[in-house]
N, C-alpha and C. Protein backbone atom coordinates (compact mmCIF):
# COMPACT_ATOMS: atom_id res chain seq x y z
N UNK A 1 10.30 -16.47 2.73
CA UNK A 1 9.68 -17.36 1.78
C UNK A 1 9.79 -16.75 0.38
N UNK A 2 10.33 -17.48 -0.56
CA UNK A 2 10.46 -17.04 -1.93
C UNK A 2 9.09 -17.09 -2.60
N UNK A 3 8.66 -15.96 -3.14
CA UNK A 3 7.37 -15.89 -3.81
C UNK A 3 7.57 -15.23 -5.17
N UNK A 4 8.03 -16.00 -6.16
CA UNK A 4 8.35 -15.41 -7.46
C UNK A 4 7.17 -14.73 -8.13
N UNK A 5 5.94 -15.15 -7.80
CA UNK A 5 4.76 -14.51 -8.40
C UNK A 5 4.65 -13.04 -8.01
N UNK A 6 5.32 -12.64 -6.92
CA UNK A 6 5.27 -11.23 -6.50
C UNK A 6 6.23 -10.36 -7.31
N UNK A 7 7.05 -10.98 -8.15
CA UNK A 7 7.96 -10.21 -9.01
C UNK A 7 7.36 -9.96 -10.39
N UNK A 8 6.21 -10.56 -10.66
CA UNK A 8 5.57 -10.41 -11.97
C UNK A 8 4.84 -9.07 -12.01
N UNK A 9 5.24 -8.24 -12.95
CA UNK A 9 4.59 -6.94 -13.10
C UNK A 9 3.19 -7.15 -13.66
N UNK A 10 2.24 -6.34 -13.25
CA UNK A 10 0.89 -6.49 -13.79
C UNK A 10 0.85 -6.13 -15.27
N UNK A 11 0.03 -6.87 -16.01
CA UNK A 11 -0.17 -6.55 -17.42
C UNK A 11 -1.06 -5.33 -17.58
N UNK A 12 -1.05 -4.77 -18.76
CA UNK A 12 -1.86 -3.57 -19.00
C UNK A 12 -3.35 -3.83 -18.81
N UNK A 13 -3.78 -5.08 -18.98
CA UNK A 13 -5.19 -5.41 -18.79
C UNK A 13 -5.56 -5.51 -17.31
N UNK A 14 -4.58 -5.45 -16.41
CA UNK A 14 -4.82 -5.53 -14.96
C UNK A 14 -4.84 -4.17 -14.29
N UNK A 15 -4.41 -3.15 -15.02
CA UNK A 15 -4.18 -1.83 -14.43
C UNK A 15 -5.13 -0.81 -15.08
N UNK A 16 -5.91 -0.09 -14.28
CA UNK A 16 -6.74 0.97 -14.85
C UNK A 16 -5.85 2.03 -15.51
N UNK A 17 -6.30 2.64 -16.58
CA UNK A 17 -5.46 3.62 -17.28
C UNK A 17 -4.90 4.73 -16.38
N UNK A 18 -5.69 5.21 -15.41
CA UNK A 18 -5.21 6.29 -14.54
C UNK A 18 -4.00 5.86 -13.70
N UNK A 19 -3.84 4.55 -13.50
CA UNK A 19 -2.79 4.06 -12.61
C UNK A 19 -1.55 3.54 -13.33
N UNK A 20 -1.56 3.55 -14.65
CA UNK A 20 -0.42 3.03 -15.40
C UNK A 20 0.87 3.77 -15.06
N UNK A 21 0.78 5.07 -14.87
CA UNK A 21 1.95 5.86 -14.51
C UNK A 21 2.51 5.48 -13.14
N UNK A 22 1.63 5.15 -12.22
CA UNK A 22 2.09 4.70 -10.89
C UNK A 22 2.85 3.39 -11.01
N UNK A 23 2.28 2.44 -11.74
CA UNK A 23 2.93 1.14 -11.89
C UNK A 23 4.29 1.30 -12.57
N UNK A 24 4.38 2.20 -13.53
CA UNK A 24 5.65 2.43 -14.24
C UNK A 24 6.74 2.96 -13.31
N UNK A 25 6.37 3.57 -12.20
CA UNK A 25 7.34 4.13 -11.25
C UNK A 25 7.93 3.08 -10.31
N UNK A 26 7.45 1.86 -10.37
CA UNK A 26 7.90 0.81 -9.46
C UNK A 26 9.03 0.04 -10.11
N UNK A 27 10.17 -0.08 -9.43
CA UNK A 27 11.29 -0.86 -10.00
C UNK A 27 10.94 -2.34 -10.06
N UNK A 28 11.69 -3.07 -10.85
CA UNK A 28 11.51 -4.52 -10.91
C UNK A 28 11.89 -5.14 -9.57
N UNK A 29 11.24 -6.22 -9.24
CA UNK A 29 11.54 -6.93 -8.00
C UNK A 29 10.28 -7.40 -7.32
N UNK A 30 10.46 -7.99 -6.17
CA UNK A 30 9.36 -8.47 -5.35
C UNK A 30 8.62 -7.26 -4.79
N UNK A 31 7.36 -7.10 -5.15
CA UNK A 31 6.62 -5.90 -4.78
C UNK A 31 6.48 -5.77 -3.25
N UNK A 32 6.41 -6.87 -2.53
CA UNK A 32 6.32 -6.79 -1.07
C UNK A 32 7.64 -6.27 -0.50
N UNK A 33 8.76 -6.74 -1.03
CA UNK A 33 10.06 -6.22 -0.59
C UNK A 33 10.20 -4.73 -0.92
N UNK A 34 9.72 -4.35 -2.09
CA UNK A 34 9.77 -2.94 -2.49
C UNK A 34 8.95 -2.10 -1.53
N UNK A 35 7.74 -2.54 -1.21
CA UNK A 35 6.89 -1.81 -0.27
C UNK A 35 7.56 -1.71 1.10
N UNK A 36 8.23 -2.77 1.51
CA UNK A 36 8.90 -2.79 2.81
C UNK A 36 10.06 -1.79 2.86
N UNK A 37 10.88 -1.79 1.82
CA UNK A 37 12.02 -0.85 1.77
C UNK A 37 11.56 0.60 1.58
N UNK A 38 10.51 0.76 0.83
CA UNK A 38 10.03 2.09 0.48
C UNK A 38 9.63 2.90 1.71
N UNK A 39 8.99 2.28 2.66
CA UNK A 39 8.51 3.04 3.82
C UNK A 39 9.66 3.62 4.62
N UNK A 40 10.80 2.95 4.66
CA UNK A 40 11.96 3.50 5.36
C UNK A 40 12.44 4.78 4.69
N UNK A 41 12.47 4.77 3.37
CA UNK A 41 12.87 5.96 2.61
C UNK A 41 11.89 7.10 2.84
N UNK A 42 10.62 6.76 2.83
CA UNK A 42 9.58 7.78 3.02
C UNK A 42 9.67 8.39 4.41
N UNK A 43 9.79 7.56 5.41
CA UNK A 43 9.88 8.05 6.79
C UNK A 43 11.12 8.93 6.95
N UNK A 44 12.25 8.51 6.40
CA UNK A 44 13.47 9.32 6.50
C UNK A 44 13.28 10.69 5.86
N UNK A 45 12.64 10.73 4.70
CA UNK A 45 12.38 12.02 4.05
C UNK A 45 11.47 12.88 4.91
N UNK A 46 10.39 12.30 5.41
CA UNK A 46 9.44 13.08 6.20
C UNK A 46 10.04 13.55 7.52
N UNK A 47 10.90 12.74 8.10
CA UNK A 47 11.56 13.15 9.35
C UNK A 47 12.56 14.28 9.13
N UNK A 48 12.97 14.50 7.89
CA UNK A 48 13.89 15.60 7.60
C UNK A 48 13.18 16.94 7.45
N UNK A 49 11.86 16.92 7.46
CA UNK A 49 11.07 18.14 7.31
C UNK A 49 10.68 18.65 8.69
N UNK A 50 10.99 19.90 8.96
CA UNK A 50 10.65 20.46 10.26
C UNK A 50 9.15 20.71 10.36
N UNK A 51 8.66 20.66 11.57
CA UNK A 51 7.24 20.92 11.80
C UNK A 51 6.86 22.32 11.32
N UNK A 52 7.78 23.26 11.42
CA UNK A 52 7.50 24.63 10.97
C UNK A 52 7.32 24.73 9.46
N UNK A 53 7.81 23.74 8.72
CA UNK A 53 7.64 23.72 7.26
C UNK A 53 6.52 22.79 6.80
N UNK A 54 5.90 22.08 7.72
CA UNK A 54 4.93 21.05 7.36
C UNK A 54 3.64 21.59 6.74
N UNK A 55 3.34 22.86 6.97
CA UNK A 55 2.15 23.46 6.37
C UNK A 55 2.46 24.17 5.04
N UNK A 56 3.71 24.05 4.59
CA UNK A 56 4.13 24.70 3.33
C UNK A 56 3.35 24.15 2.14
N UNK A 57 2.97 25.06 1.25
CA UNK A 57 2.35 24.74 -0.04
C UNK A 57 3.22 25.38 -1.11
N UNK A 58 3.52 24.67 -2.15
CA UNK A 58 4.37 25.26 -3.20
C UNK A 58 3.59 26.24 -4.07
N UNK A 59 2.26 26.18 -4.01
CA UNK A 59 1.38 27.17 -4.61
C UNK A 59 0.16 27.28 -3.69
N UNK A 60 -0.47 28.45 -3.67
CA UNK A 60 -1.60 28.64 -2.74
C UNK A 60 -2.72 27.63 -2.89
N UNK A 61 -2.97 27.13 -4.09
CA UNK A 61 -4.08 26.21 -4.32
C UNK A 61 -3.69 24.73 -4.21
N UNK A 62 -2.47 24.45 -3.77
CA UNK A 62 -2.00 23.07 -3.65
C UNK A 62 -2.06 22.62 -2.19
N UNK A 63 -2.04 21.31 -2.00
CA UNK A 63 -2.06 20.76 -0.65
C UNK A 63 -0.78 21.12 0.08
N UNK A 64 -0.87 21.19 1.40
CA UNK A 64 0.32 21.36 2.24
C UNK A 64 1.07 20.03 2.30
N UNK A 65 2.29 20.08 2.81
CA UNK A 65 3.06 18.85 2.99
C UNK A 65 2.27 17.86 3.87
N UNK A 66 1.69 18.36 4.95
CA UNK A 66 0.91 17.47 5.83
C UNK A 66 -0.28 16.87 5.08
N UNK A 67 -0.92 17.64 4.24
CA UNK A 67 -2.05 17.12 3.48
C UNK A 67 -1.60 16.06 2.46
N UNK A 68 -0.43 16.26 1.86
CA UNK A 68 0.10 15.24 0.95
C UNK A 68 0.33 13.94 1.70
N UNK A 69 0.94 14.02 2.86
CA UNK A 69 1.23 12.82 3.66
C UNK A 69 -0.07 12.16 4.10
N UNK A 70 -1.03 12.94 4.54
CA UNK A 70 -2.33 12.39 4.92
C UNK A 70 -3.02 11.72 3.74
N UNK A 71 -2.94 12.34 2.59
CA UNK A 71 -3.51 11.76 1.37
C UNK A 71 -2.84 10.43 1.04
N UNK A 72 -1.53 10.36 1.19
CA UNK A 72 -0.82 9.10 0.93
C UNK A 72 -1.38 7.98 1.80
N UNK A 73 -1.63 8.28 3.07
CA UNK A 73 -2.19 7.29 3.97
C UNK A 73 -3.60 6.90 3.58
N UNK A 74 -4.43 7.90 3.27
CA UNK A 74 -5.81 7.61 2.87
C UNK A 74 -5.84 6.74 1.61
N UNK A 75 -5.05 7.11 0.61
CA UNK A 75 -5.05 6.37 -0.65
C UNK A 75 -4.57 4.94 -0.43
N UNK A 76 -3.55 4.76 0.40
CA UNK A 76 -3.07 3.40 0.66
C UNK A 76 -4.15 2.57 1.34
N UNK A 77 -4.87 3.17 2.26
CA UNK A 77 -5.96 2.44 2.92
C UNK A 77 -7.01 2.00 1.90
N UNK A 78 -7.38 2.92 1.00
CA UNK A 78 -8.40 2.61 -0.01
C UNK A 78 -7.91 1.51 -0.94
N UNK A 79 -6.68 1.64 -1.45
CA UNK A 79 -6.15 0.62 -2.36
C UNK A 79 -6.00 -0.73 -1.66
N UNK A 80 -5.55 -0.73 -0.43
CA UNK A 80 -5.39 -1.98 0.32
C UNK A 80 -6.75 -2.62 0.60
N UNK A 81 -7.76 -1.82 0.90
CA UNK A 81 -9.10 -2.35 1.11
C UNK A 81 -9.61 -3.02 -0.16
N UNK A 82 -9.39 -2.37 -1.29
CA UNK A 82 -9.78 -2.98 -2.56
C UNK A 82 -9.06 -4.31 -2.75
N UNK A 83 -7.76 -4.32 -2.46
CA UNK A 83 -6.97 -5.55 -2.61
C UNK A 83 -7.52 -6.65 -1.70
N UNK A 84 -7.87 -6.32 -0.48
CA UNK A 84 -8.43 -7.30 0.45
C UNK A 84 -9.73 -7.88 -0.10
N UNK A 85 -10.62 -7.01 -0.54
CA UNK A 85 -11.91 -7.47 -1.07
C UNK A 85 -11.71 -8.42 -2.24
N UNK A 86 -10.87 -8.00 -3.19
CA UNK A 86 -10.70 -8.80 -4.41
C UNK A 86 -9.91 -10.08 -4.12
N UNK A 87 -8.93 -10.01 -3.22
CA UNK A 87 -8.15 -11.21 -2.86
C UNK A 87 -9.05 -12.26 -2.22
N UNK A 88 -10.07 -11.83 -1.54
CA UNK A 88 -11.00 -12.75 -0.88
C UNK A 88 -12.15 -13.15 -1.79
N UNK A 89 -12.01 -12.83 -3.09
CA UNK A 89 -12.98 -13.20 -4.11
C UNK A 89 -14.33 -12.50 -3.94
N UNK A 90 -14.32 -11.32 -3.36
CA UNK A 90 -15.53 -10.50 -3.26
C UNK A 90 -15.67 -9.77 -4.59
N UNK A 91 -16.69 -10.09 -5.35
CA UNK A 91 -16.87 -9.51 -6.68
C UNK A 91 -17.76 -8.27 -6.69
N UNK A 92 -18.16 -7.82 -5.52
CA UNK A 92 -18.97 -6.61 -5.44
C UNK A 92 -18.14 -5.42 -5.91
N UNK A 93 -18.64 -4.67 -6.90
CA UNK A 93 -17.88 -3.50 -7.35
C UNK A 93 -17.69 -2.49 -6.22
N UNK A 94 -16.53 -1.87 -6.22
CA UNK A 94 -16.18 -0.87 -5.21
C UNK A 94 -16.21 0.51 -5.87
N UNK A 95 -16.86 1.45 -5.21
CA UNK A 95 -16.93 2.81 -5.76
C UNK A 95 -15.56 3.49 -5.68
N UNK A 96 -15.42 4.55 -6.44
CA UNK A 96 -14.21 5.36 -6.38
C UNK A 96 -14.24 6.27 -5.16
N UNK A 97 -13.20 7.06 -5.01
CA UNK A 97 -13.18 8.04 -3.93
C UNK A 97 -12.61 9.34 -4.47
N UNK A 98 -13.05 10.44 -3.90
CA UNK A 98 -12.60 11.77 -4.31
C UNK A 98 -11.54 12.23 -3.32
N UNK A 99 -10.27 12.13 -3.73
CA UNK A 99 -9.17 12.47 -2.83
C UNK A 99 -9.23 13.90 -2.33
N UNK A 100 -9.76 14.82 -3.14
CA UNK A 100 -9.85 16.21 -2.69
C UNK A 100 -10.87 16.37 -1.56
N UNK A 101 -11.99 15.68 -1.66
CA UNK A 101 -12.98 15.71 -0.59
C UNK A 101 -12.41 15.10 0.68
N UNK A 102 -11.67 14.00 0.52
CA UNK A 102 -11.04 13.38 1.69
C UNK A 102 -10.11 14.37 2.39
N UNK A 103 -9.27 15.04 1.62
CA UNK A 103 -8.29 15.96 2.23
C UNK A 103 -8.99 17.13 2.91
N UNK A 104 -9.99 17.70 2.27
CA UNK A 104 -10.70 18.84 2.85
C UNK A 104 -11.36 18.47 4.17
N UNK A 105 -11.82 17.22 4.28
CA UNK A 105 -12.55 16.79 5.46
C UNK A 105 -11.72 16.00 6.46
N UNK A 106 -10.43 16.00 6.28
CA UNK A 106 -9.53 15.27 7.17
C UNK A 106 -8.90 16.21 8.20
N UNK A 107 -8.39 15.66 9.29
CA UNK A 107 -7.77 16.49 10.33
C UNK A 107 -6.29 16.79 10.10
N UNK A 108 -5.81 16.66 8.86
CA UNK A 108 -4.38 16.77 8.60
C UNK A 108 -3.77 18.09 9.04
N UNK A 109 -4.49 19.18 8.88
CA UNK A 109 -3.92 20.48 9.26
C UNK A 109 -3.89 20.68 10.78
N UNK A 110 -4.65 19.85 11.51
CA UNK A 110 -4.74 20.00 12.96
C UNK A 110 -3.84 19.03 13.72
N UNK A 111 -3.05 18.28 13.00
CA UNK A 111 -2.16 17.33 13.66
C UNK A 111 -0.72 17.64 13.24
N UNK A 112 0.20 16.90 13.79
CA UNK A 112 1.60 17.15 13.47
C UNK A 112 2.07 16.26 12.34
N UNK A 113 3.13 16.69 11.69
CA UNK A 113 3.74 15.87 10.65
C UNK A 113 4.27 14.57 11.25
N UNK A 114 4.78 14.62 12.45
CA UNK A 114 5.27 13.42 13.13
C UNK A 114 4.13 12.41 13.28
N UNK A 115 2.96 12.88 13.69
CA UNK A 115 1.81 11.99 13.85
C UNK A 115 1.39 11.39 12.52
N UNK A 116 1.35 12.21 11.48
CA UNK A 116 0.97 11.72 10.15
C UNK A 116 1.99 10.71 9.62
N UNK A 117 3.26 10.97 9.89
CA UNK A 117 4.32 10.05 9.46
C UNK A 117 4.19 8.71 10.18
N UNK A 118 3.94 8.75 11.48
CA UNK A 118 3.74 7.51 12.25
C UNK A 118 2.53 6.74 11.74
N UNK A 119 1.45 7.46 11.45
CA UNK A 119 0.25 6.81 10.94
C UNK A 119 0.53 6.16 9.59
N UNK A 120 1.22 6.86 8.70
CA UNK A 120 1.56 6.30 7.39
C UNK A 120 2.40 5.04 7.54
N UNK A 121 3.34 5.06 8.46
CA UNK A 121 4.19 3.89 8.69
C UNK A 121 3.35 2.70 9.19
N UNK A 122 2.40 2.96 10.06
CA UNK A 122 1.54 1.88 10.58
C UNK A 122 0.61 1.34 9.48
N UNK A 123 0.10 2.23 8.66
CA UNK A 123 -0.73 1.79 7.53
C UNK A 123 0.08 0.86 6.64
N UNK A 124 1.34 1.25 6.36
CA UNK A 124 2.18 0.42 5.50
C UNK A 124 2.43 -0.95 6.13
N UNK A 125 2.65 -0.98 7.42
CA UNK A 125 2.88 -2.28 8.07
C UNK A 125 1.66 -3.20 7.87
N UNK A 126 0.48 -2.64 7.98
CA UNK A 126 -0.74 -3.41 7.75
C UNK A 126 -0.81 -3.87 6.29
N UNK A 127 -0.49 -2.99 5.37
CA UNK A 127 -0.47 -3.33 3.94
C UNK A 127 0.51 -4.46 3.67
N UNK A 128 1.67 -4.39 4.30
CA UNK A 128 2.68 -5.43 4.11
C UNK A 128 2.18 -6.79 4.59
N UNK A 129 1.52 -6.82 5.72
CA UNK A 129 0.96 -8.09 6.22
C UNK A 129 -0.06 -8.64 5.24
N UNK A 130 -0.90 -7.78 4.70
CA UNK A 130 -1.90 -8.23 3.74
C UNK A 130 -1.24 -8.90 2.54
N UNK A 131 -0.35 -8.18 1.86
CA UNK A 131 0.24 -8.70 0.63
C UNK A 131 1.21 -9.86 0.88
N UNK A 132 1.93 -9.84 1.99
CA UNK A 132 2.90 -10.91 2.28
C UNK A 132 2.22 -12.25 2.46
N UNK A 133 0.96 -12.24 2.85
CA UNK A 133 0.26 -13.49 3.12
C UNK A 133 -0.63 -13.97 1.97
N UNK A 134 -0.58 -13.28 0.84
CA UNK A 134 -1.38 -13.70 -0.30
C UNK A 134 -0.60 -14.68 -1.17
N UNK A 135 -1.33 -15.66 -1.71
CA UNK A 135 -0.69 -16.59 -2.64
C UNK A 135 -0.90 -16.09 -4.07
N UNK A 136 -0.36 -16.84 -5.00
CA UNK A 136 -0.41 -16.46 -6.42
C UNK A 136 -1.85 -16.30 -6.90
N UNK A 137 -2.69 -17.23 -6.52
CA UNK A 137 -4.09 -17.19 -6.95
C UNK A 137 -4.78 -15.90 -6.48
N UNK A 138 -4.57 -15.55 -5.23
CA UNK A 138 -5.18 -14.33 -4.69
C UNK A 138 -4.63 -13.08 -5.37
N UNK A 139 -3.32 -13.06 -5.65
CA UNK A 139 -2.71 -11.88 -6.30
C UNK A 139 -3.25 -11.69 -7.72
N UNK A 140 -3.68 -12.78 -8.34
CA UNK A 140 -4.17 -12.69 -9.71
C UNK A 140 -5.66 -12.36 -9.80
N UNK A 141 -6.37 -12.45 -8.68
CA UNK A 141 -7.81 -12.15 -8.71
C UNK A 141 -8.02 -10.69 -9.10
N UNK A 142 -9.20 -10.46 -9.65
CA UNK A 142 -9.54 -9.11 -10.11
C UNK A 142 -10.90 -8.70 -9.58
N UNK A 143 -11.09 -7.41 -9.57
CA UNK A 143 -12.37 -6.85 -9.19
C UNK A 143 -12.56 -5.53 -9.92
N UNK A 144 -13.69 -4.92 -9.64
CA UNK A 144 -14.01 -3.64 -10.28
C UNK A 144 -14.00 -2.55 -9.21
N UNK A 145 -13.19 -1.54 -9.46
CA UNK A 145 -13.12 -0.38 -8.57
C UNK A 145 -13.26 0.87 -9.42
N UNK A 146 -14.17 1.74 -9.02
CA UNK A 146 -14.40 2.98 -9.75
C UNK A 146 -14.76 2.68 -11.21
N UNK A 147 -15.46 1.57 -11.44
CA UNK A 147 -15.92 1.20 -12.77
C UNK A 147 -14.85 0.57 -13.65
N UNK A 148 -13.67 0.29 -13.10
CA UNK A 148 -12.57 -0.25 -13.89
C UNK A 148 -12.03 -1.53 -13.26
N UNK A 149 -11.67 -2.49 -14.10
CA UNK A 149 -11.12 -3.75 -13.60
C UNK A 149 -9.67 -3.55 -13.16
N UNK A 150 -9.33 -4.20 -12.04
CA UNK A 150 -7.97 -4.12 -11.50
C UNK A 150 -7.67 -5.43 -10.77
N UNK A 151 -6.42 -5.85 -10.86
CA UNK A 151 -6.01 -7.07 -10.15
C UNK A 151 -5.44 -6.70 -8.78
N UNK A 152 -5.41 -7.69 -7.91
CA UNK A 152 -4.79 -7.51 -6.60
C UNK A 152 -3.32 -7.18 -6.77
N UNK A 153 -2.64 -7.90 -7.67
CA UNK A 153 -1.22 -7.62 -7.95
C UNK A 153 -1.04 -6.16 -8.38
N UNK A 154 -1.90 -5.69 -9.27
CA UNK A 154 -1.80 -4.31 -9.72
C UNK A 154 -1.96 -3.33 -8.56
N UNK A 155 -2.86 -3.65 -7.64
CA UNK A 155 -3.06 -2.75 -6.50
C UNK A 155 -1.81 -2.64 -5.64
N UNK A 156 -1.07 -3.74 -5.49
CA UNK A 156 0.20 -3.68 -4.75
C UNK A 156 1.16 -2.73 -5.46
N UNK A 157 1.26 -2.86 -6.77
CA UNK A 157 2.15 -1.98 -7.54
C UNK A 157 1.64 -0.54 -7.54
N UNK A 158 0.33 -0.35 -7.58
CA UNK A 158 -0.24 1.00 -7.54
C UNK A 158 0.11 1.68 -6.23
N UNK A 159 0.02 0.95 -5.12
CA UNK A 159 0.37 1.53 -3.82
C UNK A 159 1.82 2.00 -3.82
N UNK A 160 2.72 1.16 -4.29
CA UNK A 160 4.14 1.54 -4.34
C UNK A 160 4.37 2.70 -5.28
N UNK A 161 3.77 2.66 -6.45
CA UNK A 161 3.96 3.73 -7.43
C UNK A 161 3.34 5.04 -7.00
N UNK A 162 2.19 4.98 -6.34
CA UNK A 162 1.54 6.19 -5.83
C UNK A 162 2.45 6.88 -4.82
N UNK A 163 3.06 6.08 -3.95
CA UNK A 163 3.98 6.66 -2.97
C UNK A 163 5.19 7.27 -3.67
N UNK A 164 5.76 6.57 -4.65
CA UNK A 164 6.89 7.13 -5.39
C UNK A 164 6.52 8.44 -6.07
N UNK A 165 5.33 8.49 -6.62
CA UNK A 165 4.83 9.71 -7.26
C UNK A 165 4.83 10.89 -6.28
N UNK A 166 4.26 10.66 -5.11
CA UNK A 166 4.18 11.76 -4.14
C UNK A 166 5.53 12.10 -3.50
N UNK A 167 6.40 11.12 -3.35
CA UNK A 167 7.76 11.43 -2.87
C UNK A 167 8.48 12.32 -3.87
N UNK A 168 8.31 12.04 -5.14
CA UNK A 168 8.91 12.87 -6.18
C UNK A 168 8.36 14.29 -6.12
N UNK A 169 7.06 14.43 -5.95
CA UNK A 169 6.46 15.76 -5.84
C UNK A 169 6.98 16.49 -4.61
N UNK A 170 7.06 15.79 -3.49
CA UNK A 170 7.60 16.43 -2.28
C UNK A 170 9.02 16.93 -2.52
N UNK A 171 9.85 16.09 -3.13
CA UNK A 171 11.26 16.47 -3.36
C UNK A 171 11.39 17.62 -4.36
N UNK A 172 10.64 17.57 -5.44
CA UNK A 172 10.86 18.53 -6.53
C UNK A 172 10.05 19.82 -6.42
N UNK A 173 8.90 19.75 -5.80
CA UNK A 173 8.05 20.94 -5.75
C UNK A 173 7.97 21.59 -4.37
N UNK A 174 8.08 20.79 -3.34
CA UNK A 174 7.95 21.33 -1.99
C UNK A 174 9.31 21.61 -1.37
N UNK A 175 10.15 20.61 -1.32
CA UNK A 175 11.42 20.73 -0.59
C UNK A 175 12.47 21.49 -1.37
N UNK A 176 12.45 21.40 -2.68
CA UNK A 176 13.41 22.14 -3.52
C UNK A 176 13.20 23.64 -3.32
N UNK A 177 11.97 24.08 -3.34
CA UNK A 177 11.67 25.51 -3.17
C UNK A 177 11.99 25.97 -1.75
N UNK A 178 11.72 25.12 -0.77
CA UNK A 178 12.00 25.51 0.62
C UNK A 178 13.51 25.65 0.83
N UNK A 179 14.30 24.78 0.20
CA UNK A 179 15.74 24.83 0.37
C UNK A 179 16.34 25.98 -0.41
N UNK A 180 15.73 26.31 -1.54
CA UNK A 180 16.30 27.32 -2.44
C UNK A 180 15.88 28.65 -2.06
């Protein structure tokens, strides 16, 4: 189904300032198609990392590869939940979340990279179903998250851009050093 409204980039008034960089990382096109293609690239990259390297940190105070992947899943769940609430016209403000607290209290270090990769892929499939079934009106709805206004459309772009951000970090800071 052709949905041209999904190709419209969110305006600056739809995107919280902290997320503008994420949105800028998303190429032009149908955001649902981008999210669909993106997960294949992400899974391929993660499958190229051996389990013996999955606990690697590029600096002692940084997250491990597994923690980065777990964080990607947690963040996508949070952003998708916000999108669901706002798409359904729920105007109740949503609190922010502390990603560092989430990572510290998550089981990421006790599971395998394969498990985290599978979980991330399943989260994305759920996200795709959510956004693929929204109409233009729902994508344009807005809500307040972490004290800032954001549109449902912007949340779709934020999810894609957040993943691109972390894929770049994995490639440039984690995998480059491991290979070199």
